[in-house]
Amino acid sequence: MTSTPENPAHDGSDLAELREEIDELQAIPEDELLSPLPNAVEEHEPEATPSDAIGSEKWDEPAEDESLDQQ
């Protein structure tokens, strides 16, 4: 590229900043780049809790006593 008074020769001073940005992007796993999960969603993701099998409800007992777990 030819330098002119309007476009002086490039000294490369901003290349270090670009290199840092490239390195940061390369550190991100490919899966996260393709399908990112926002931190707010990840932090508030509910915990799974075990439950009884569908159809195993004991209809003749109160709801709080429905579990099939032996006590």
PDB file of N, CA and C in Angstrom:
ATOM      1  N   MET A   1       0.840  -1.167   0.000  1.00  0.00           N
ATOM      2  CA  MET A   1       0.000   0.000   0.000  1.00  0.00           C
ATOM      3  C   MET A   1       0.889   1.235   0.000  1.00  0.00           C
ATOM      4  N   THR A   2       0.553   2.169  -0.794  1.00  0.00           N
ATOM      5  CA  THR A   2       1.339   3.393  -0.936  1.00  0.00           C
ATOM      6  C   THR A   2       0.895   4.412   0.101  1.00  0.00           C
ATOM      7  N   SER A   3       1.884   5.057   0.734  1.00  0.00           N
ATOM      8  CA  SER A   3       1.535   6.102   1.698  1.00  0.00           C
ATOM      9  C   SER A   3       1.461   7.442   0.999  1.00  0.00           C
ATOM     10  N   THR A   4       0.518   8.225   1.440  1.00  0.00           N
ATOM     11  CA  THR A   4       0.329   9.572   0.913  1.00  0.00           C
ATOM     12  C   THR A   4       0.163  10.505   2.102  1.00  0.00           C
ATOM     13  N   PRO A   5       0.200  11.809   1.898  1.00  0.00           N
ATOM     14  CA  PRO A   5      -0.026  12.721   3.032  1.00  0.00           C
ATOM     15  C   PRO A   5      -1.366  12.487   3.728  1.00  0.00           C
ATOM     16  N   GLU A   6      -2.392  12.096   2.961  1.00  0.00           N
ATOM     17  CA  GLU A   6      -3.699  11.825   3.559  1.00  0.00           C
ATOM     18  C   GLU A   6      -3.724  10.466   4.260  1.00  0.00           C
ATOM     19  N   ASN A   7      -2.923   9.536   3.785  1.00  0.00           N
ATOM     20  CA  ASN A   7      -2.853   8.183   4.345  1.00  0.00           C
ATOM     21  C   ASN A   7      -1.396   7.853   4.676  1.00  0.00           C
ATOM     22  N   PRO A   8      -0.912   8.239   5.857  1.00  0.00           N
ATOM     23  CA  PRO A   8       0.480   7.952   6.200  1.00  0.00           C
ATOM     24  C   PRO A   8       0.722   6.445   6.344  1.00  0.00           C
ATOM     25  N   ALA A   9       1.966   6.039   6.304  1.00  0.00           N
ATOM     26  CA  ALA A   9       2.336   4.628   6.428  1.00  0.00           C
ATOM     27  C   ALA A   9       1.892   4.100   7.789  1.00  0.00           C
ATOM     28  N   HIS A  10       1.405   2.884   7.787  1.00  0.00           N
ATOM     29  CA  HIS A  10       0.902   2.252   9.015  1.00  0.00           C
ATOM     30  C   HIS A  10       2.087   1.753   9.836  1.00  0.00           C
ATOM     31  N   ASP A  11       2.096   2.114  11.141  1.00  0.00           N
ATOM     32  CA  ASP A  11       3.213   1.698  11.988  1.00  0.00           C
ATOM     33  C   ASP A  11       2.935   0.390  12.745  1.00  0.00           C
ATOM     34  N   GLY A  12       1.726  -0.162  12.645  1.00  0.00           N
ATOM     35  CA  GLY A  12       1.413  -1.440  13.287  1.00  0.00           C
ATOM     36  C   GLY A  12       1.111  -1.343  14.767  1.00  0.00           C
ATOM     37  N   SER A  13       0.900  -0.164  15.294  1.00  0.00           N
ATOM     38  CA  SER A  13       0.697   0.000  16.736  1.00  0.00           C
ATOM     39  C   SER A  13      -0.603  -0.635  17.230  1.00  0.00           C
ATOM     40  N   ASP A  14      -1.604  -0.747  16.390  1.00  0.00           N
ATOM     41  CA  ASP A  14      -2.868  -1.319  16.849  1.00  0.00           C
ATOM     42  C   ASP A  14      -2.947  -2.832  16.652  1.00  0.00           C
ATOM     43  N   LEU A  15      -1.917  -3.443  16.104  1.00  0.00           N
ATOM     44  CA  LEU A  15      -1.941  -4.879  15.866  1.00  0.00           C
ATOM     45  C   LEU A  15      -1.904  -5.685  17.162  1.00  0.00           C
ATOM     46  N   ALA A  16      -1.281  -5.172  18.203  1.00  0.00           N
ATOM     47  CA  ALA A  16      -1.227  -5.879  19.484  1.00  0.00           C
ATOM     48  C   ALA A  16      -2.637  -6.017  20.070  1.00  0.00           C
ATOM     49  N   GLU A  17      -3.449  -4.971  19.955  1.00  0.00           N
ATOM     50  CA  GLU A  17      -4.830  -5.031  20.440  1.00  0.00           C
ATOM     51  C   GLU A  17      -5.633  -6.067  19.657  1.00  0.00           C
ATOM     52  N   LEU A  18      -5.447  -6.094  18.359  1.00  0.00           N
ATOM     53  CA  LEU A  18      -6.141  -7.081  17.535  1.00  0.00           C
ATOM     54  C   LEU A  18      -5.701  -8.496  17.881  1.00  0.00           C
ATOM     55  N   ARG A  19      -4.418  -8.683  18.140  1.00  0.00           N
ATOM     56  CA  ARG A  19      -3.908 -10.001  18.499  1.00  0.00           C
ATOM     57  C   ARG A  19      -4.539 -10.482  19.798  1.00  0.00           C
ATOM     58  N   GLU A  20      -4.688  -9.584  20.795  1.00  0.00           N
ATOM     59  CA  GLU A  20      -5.319  -9.936  22.064  1.00  0.00           C
ATOM     60  C   GLU A  20      -6.768 -10.356  21.849  1.00  0.00           C
ATOM     61  N   GLU A  21      -7.483  -9.608  21.018  1.00  0.00           N
ATOM     62  CA  GLU A  21      -8.888  -9.936  20.752  1.00  0.00           C
ATOM     63  C   GLU A  21      -9.002 -11.285  20.045  1.00  0.00           C
ATOM     64  N   ILE A  22      -8.120 -11.541  19.102  1.00  0.00           N
ATOM     65  CA  ILE A  22      -8.119 -12.823  18.392  1.00  0.00           C
ATOM     66  C   ILE A  22      -7.840 -13.958  19.362  1.00  0.00           C
ATOM     67  N   ASP A  23      -6.872 -13.782  20.257  1.00  0.00           N
ATOM     68  CA  ASP A  23      -6.546 -14.819  21.237  1.00  0.00           C
ATOM     69  C   ASP A  23      -7.721 -15.099  22.170  1.00  0.00           C
ATOM     70  N   GLU A  24      -8.436 -14.036  22.585  1.00  0.00           N
ATOM     71  CA  GLU A  24      -9.611 -14.212  23.449  1.00  0.00           C
ATOM     72  C   GLU A  24     -10.696 -15.009  22.732  1.00  0.00           C
ATOM     73  N   LEU A  25     -10.929 -14.687  21.459  1.00  0.00           N
ATOM     74  CA  LEU A  25     -11.943 -15.405  20.696  1.00  0.00           C
ATOM     75  C   LEU A  25     -11.553 -16.857  20.458  1.00  0.00           C
ATOM     76  N   GLN A  26     -10.270 -17.114  20.245  1.00  0.00           N
ATOM     77  CA  GLN A  26      -9.817 -18.487  20.037  1.00  0.00           C
ATOM     78  C   GLN A  26      -9.936 -19.317  21.305  1.00  0.00           C
ATOM     79  N   ALA A  27      -9.943 -18.683  22.472  1.00  0.00           N
ATOM     80  CA  ALA A  27     -10.055 -19.406  23.739  1.00  0.00           C
ATOM     81  C   ALA A  27     -11.485 -19.873  24.015  1.00  0.00           C
ATOM     82  N   ILE A  28     -12.476 -19.313  23.320  1.00  0.00           N
ATOM     83  CA  ILE A  28     -13.878 -19.696  23.526  1.00  0.00           C
ATOM     84  C   ILE A  28     -14.133 -21.009  22.785  1.00  0.00           C
ATOM     85  N   PRO A  29     -14.717 -22.018  23.475  1.00  0.00           N
ATOM     86  CA  PRO A  29     -15.005 -23.291  22.801  1.00  0.00           C
ATOM     87  C   PRO A  29     -15.965 -23.097  21.619  1.00  0.00           C
ATOM     88  N   GLU A  30     -15.796 -23.912  20.594  1.00  0.00           N
ATOM     89  CA  GLU A  30     -16.601 -23.792  19.380  1.00  0.00           C
ATOM     90  C   GLU A  30     -18.095 -23.960  19.668  1.00  0.00           C
ATOM     91  N   ASP A  31     -18.457 -24.888  20.571  1.00  0.00           N
ATOM     92  CA  ASP A  31     -19.865 -25.108  20.908  1.00  0.00           C
ATOM     93  C   ASP A  31     -20.498 -23.844  21.478  1.00  0.00           C
ATOM     94  N   GLU A  32     -19.765 -23.118  22.301  1.00  0.00           N
ATOM     95  CA  GLU A  32     -20.291 -21.893  22.894  1.00  0.00           C
ATOM     96  C   GLU A  32     -20.457 -20.794  21.856  1.00  0.00           C
ATOM     97  N   LEU A  33     -19.581 -20.769  20.862  1.00  0.00           N
ATOM     98  CA  LEU A  33     -19.712 -19.775  19.795  1.00  0.00           C
ATOM     99  C   LEU A  33     -20.929 -20.057  18.926  1.00  0.00           C
ATOM    100  N   LEU A  34     -21.205 -21.344  18.678  1.00  0.00           N
ATOM    101  CA  LEU A  34     -22.321 -21.713  17.804  1.00  0.00           C
ATOM    102  C   LEU A  34     -23.666 -21.598  18.511  1.00  0.00           C
ATOM    103  N   SER A  35     -23.709 -21.920  19.810  1.00  0.00           N
ATOM    104  CA  SER A  35     -24.959 -21.892  20.551  1.00  0.00           C
ATOM    105  C   SER A  35     -24.689 -21.348  21.951  1.00  0.00           C
ATOM    106  N   PRO A  36     -24.532 -20.032  22.072  1.00  0.00           N
ATOM    107  CA  PRO A  36     -24.200 -19.470  23.379  1.00  0.00           C
ATOM    108  C   PRO A  36     -25.375 -19.534  24.353  1.00  0.00           C
ATOM    109  N   LEU A  37     -25.069 -19.772  25.615  1.00  0.00           N
ATOM    110  CA  LEU A  37     -26.071 -19.790  26.677  1.00  0.00           C
ATOM    111  C   LEU A  37     -25.821 -18.576  27.551  1.00  0.00           C
ATOM    112  N   PRO A  38     -26.751 -17.640  27.576  1.00  0.00           N
ATOM    113  CA  PRO A  38     -26.538 -16.452  28.403  1.00  0.00           C
ATOM    114  C   PRO A  38     -26.308 -16.817  29.865  1.00  0.00           C
ATOM    115  N   ASN A  39     -25.415 -16.082  30.532  1.00  0.00           N
ATOM    116  CA  ASN A  39     -25.094 -16.373  31.928  1.00  0.00           C
ATOM    117  C   ASN A  39     -26.324 -16.305  32.816  1.00  0.00           C
ATOM    118  N   ALA A  40     -27.223 -15.377  32.564  1.00  0.00           N
ATOM    119  CA  ALA A  40     -28.420 -15.241  33.394  1.00  0.00           C
ATOM    120  C   ALA A  40     -29.277 -16.502  33.316  1.00  0.00           C
ATOM    121  N   VAL A  41     -29.360 -17.114  32.150  1.00  0.00           N
ATOM    122  CA  VAL A  41     -30.143 -18.334  31.998  1.00  0.00           C
ATOM    123  C   VAL A  41     -29.443 -19.478  32.720  1.00  0.00           C
ATOM    124  N   GLU A  42     -28.148 -19.582  32.537  1.00  0.00           N
ATOM    125  CA  GLU A  42     -27.394 -20.662  33.157  1.00  0.00           C
ATOM    126  C   GLU A  42     -27.441 -20.582  34.677  1.00  0.00           C
ATOM    127  N   GLU A  43     -27.367 -19.369  35.240  1.00  0.00           N
ATOM    128  CA  GLU A  43     -27.384 -19.207  36.690  1.00  0.00           C
ATOM    129  C   GLU A  43     -28.736 -19.565  37.293  1.00  0.00           C
ATOM    130  N   HIS A  44     -29.825 -19.348  36.556  1.00  0.00           N
ATOM    131  CA  HIS A  44     -31.163 -19.590  37.075  1.00  0.00           C
ATOM    132  C   HIS A  44     -31.773 -20.896  36.577  1.00  0.00           C
ATOM    133  N   GLU A  45     -30.947 -21.773  36.024  1.00  0.00           N
ATOM    134  CA  GLU A  45     -31.445 -23.036  35.523  1.00  0.00           C
ATOM    135  C   GLU A  45     -31.930 -23.884  36.698  1.00  0.00           C
ATOM    136  N   PRO A  46     -33.147 -24.420  36.633  1.00  0.00           N
ATOM    137  CA  PRO A  46     -33.679 -25.180  37.771  1.00  0.00           C
ATOM    138  C   PRO A  46     -32.960 -26.511  37.961  1.00  0.00           C
ATOM    139  N   GLU A  47     -32.947 -26.970  39.203  1.00  0.00           N
ATOM    140  CA  GLU A  47     -32.366 -28.273  39.526  1.00  0.00           C
ATOM    141  C   GLU A  47     -33.433 -29.344  39.309  1.00  0.00           C
ATOM    142  N   ALA A  48     -33.062 -30.441  38.735  1.00  0.00           N
ATOM    143  CA  ALA A  48     -33.998 -31.540  38.530  1.00  0.00           C
ATOM    144  C   ALA A  48     -34.257 -32.248  39.855  1.00  0.00           C
ATOM    145  N   THR A  49     -35.511 -32.619  40.079  1.00  0.00           N
ATOM    146  CA  THR A  49     -35.859 -33.374  41.286  1.00  0.00           C
ATOM    147  C   THR A  49     -36.534 -34.671  40.868  1.00  0.00           C
ATOM    148  N   PRO A  50     -36.260 -35.747  41.583  1.00  0.00           N
ATOM    149  CA  PRO A  50     -36.893 -37.022  41.217  1.00  0.00           C
ATOM    150  C   PRO A  50     -38.396 -36.978  41.488  1.00  0.00           C
ATOM    151  N   SER A  51     -39.138 -37.705  40.713  1.00  0.00           N
ATOM    152  CA  SER A  51     -40.587 -37.769  40.893  1.00  0.00           C
ATOM    153  C   SER A  51     -41.063 -39.190  40.632  1.00  0.00           C
ATOM    154  N   ASP A  52     -42.294 -39.451  40.983  1.00  0.00           N
ATOM    155  CA  ASP A  52     -42.878 -40.774  40.758  1.00  0.00           C
ATOM    156  C   ASP A  52     -43.201 -40.952  39.284  1.00  0.00           C
ATOM    157  N   ALA A  53     -43.309 -42.189  38.866  1.00  0.00           N
ATOM    158  CA  ALA A  53     -43.632 -42.478  37.477  1.00  0.00           C
ATOM    159  C   ALA A  53     -45.049 -42.029  37.154  1.00  0.00           C
ATOM    160  N   ILE A  54     -45.271 -41.647  35.898  1.00  0.00           N
ATOM    161  CA  ILE A  54     -46.594 -41.234  35.459  1.00  0.00           C
ATOM    162  C   ILE A  54     -47.549 -42.416  35.616  1.00  0.00           C
ATOM    163  N   GLY A  55     -48.709 -42.152  36.166  1.00  0.00           N
ATOM    164  CA  GLY A  55     -49.711 -43.203  36.352  1.00  0.00           C
ATOM    165  C   GLY A  55     -49.588 -43.932  37.673  1.00  0.00           C
ATOM    166  N   SER A  56     -48.618 -43.567  38.497  1.00  0.00           N
ATOM    167  CA  SER A  56     -48.429 -44.275  39.764  1.00  0.00           C
ATOM    168  C   SER A  56     -49.068 -43.553  40.949  1.00  0.00           C
ATOM    169  N   GLU A  57     -49.877 -42.541  40.673  1.00  0.00           N
ATOM    170  CA  GLU A  57     -50.490 -41.781  41.753  1.00  0.00           C
ATOM    171  C   GLU A  57     -51.446 -42.667  42.549  1.00  0.00           C
ATOM    172  N   LYS A  58     -51.507 -42.412  43.818  1.00  0.00           N
ATOM    173  CA  LYS A  58     -52.438 -43.121  44.689  1.00  0.00           C
ATOM    174  C   LYS A  58     -53.596 -42.163  44.955  1.00  0.00           C
ATOM    175  N   TRP A  59     -54.659 -42.310  44.194  1.00  0.00           N
ATOM    176  CA  TRP A  59     -55.764 -41.369  44.227  1.00  0.00           C
ATOM    177  C   TRP A  59     -56.570 -41.432  45.520  1.00  0.00           C
ATOM    178  N   ASP A  60     -56.438 -42.499  46.270  1.00  0.00           N
ATOM    179  CA  ASP A  60     -57.214 -42.619  47.499  1.00  0.00           C
ATOM    180  C   ASP A  60     -56.508 -41.989  48.703  1.00  0.00           C
ATOM    181  N   GLU A  61     -55.349 -41.380  48.481  1.00  0.00           N
ATOM    182  CA  GLU A  61     -54.601 -40.737  49.563  1.00  0.00           C
ATOM    183  C   GLU A  61     -54.491 -39.237  49.296  1.00  0.00           C
ATOM    184  N   PRO A  62     -54.277 -38.428  50.331  1.00  0.00           N
ATOM    185  CA  PRO A  62     -54.064 -36.991  50.119  1.00  0.00           C
ATOM    186  C   PRO A  62     -52.818 -36.760  49.260  1.00  0.00           C
ATOM    187  N   ALA A  63     -52.768 -35.645  48.578  1.00  0.00           N
ATOM    188  CA  ALA A  63     -51.673 -35.344  47.650  1.00  0.00           C
ATOM    189  C   ALA A  63     -50.308 -35.416  48.317  1.00  0.00           C
ATOM    190  N   GLU A  64     -50.190 -34.959  49.555  1.00  0.00           N
ATOM    191  CA  GLU A  64     -48.882 -34.979  50.212  1.00  0.00           C
ATOM    192  C   GLU A  64     -48.413 -36.391  50.558  1.00  0.00           C
ATOM    193  N   ASP A  65     -49.319 -37.397  50.524  1.00  0.00           N
ATOM    194  CA  ASP A  65     -48.959 -38.784  50.825  1.00  0.00           C
ATOM    195  C   ASP A  65     -48.881 -39.651  49.585  1.00  0.00           C
ATOM    196  N   GLU A  66     -48.893 -39.071  48.377  1.00  0.00           N
ATOM    197  CA  GLU A  66     -48.962 -39.839  47.156  1.00  0.00           C
ATOM    198  C   GLU A  66     -47.698 -40.593  46.785  1.00  0.00           C
ATOM    199  N   SER A  67     -46.545 -40.207  47.305  1.00  0.00           N
ATOM    200  CA  SER A  67     -45.280 -40.796  46.893  1.00  0.00           C
ATOM    201  C   SER A  67     -45.272 -42.309  47.091  1.00  0.00           C
ATOM    202  N   LEU A  68     -44.597 -42.990  46.207  1.00  0.00           N
ATOM    203  CA  LEU A  68     -44.475 -44.450  46.313  1.00  0.00           C
ATOM    204  C   LEU A  68     -43.292 -44.861  47.184  1.00  0.00           C
ATOM    205  N   ASP A  69     -42.524 -43.889  47.638  1.00  0.00           N
ATOM    206  CA  ASP A  69     -41.361 -44.204  48.477  1.00  0.00           C
ATOM    207  C   ASP A  69     -41.821 -44.891  49.758  1.00  0.00           C
ATOM    208  N   GLN A  70     -41.115 -45.936  50.120  1.00  0.00           N
ATOM    209  CA  GLN A  70     -41.420 -46.660  51.368  1.00  0.00           C
ATOM    210  C   GLN A  70     -40.807 -45.895  52.523  1.00  0.00           C
ATOM    211  N   GLN A  71     -41.588 -45.582  53.530  1.00  0.00           N
ATOM    212  CA  GLN A  71     -41.077 -44.831  54.674  1.00  0.00           C
ATOM    213  C   GLN A  71     -41.095 -45.670  55.921  1.00  0.00           C
TER     214      GLN A  71
END
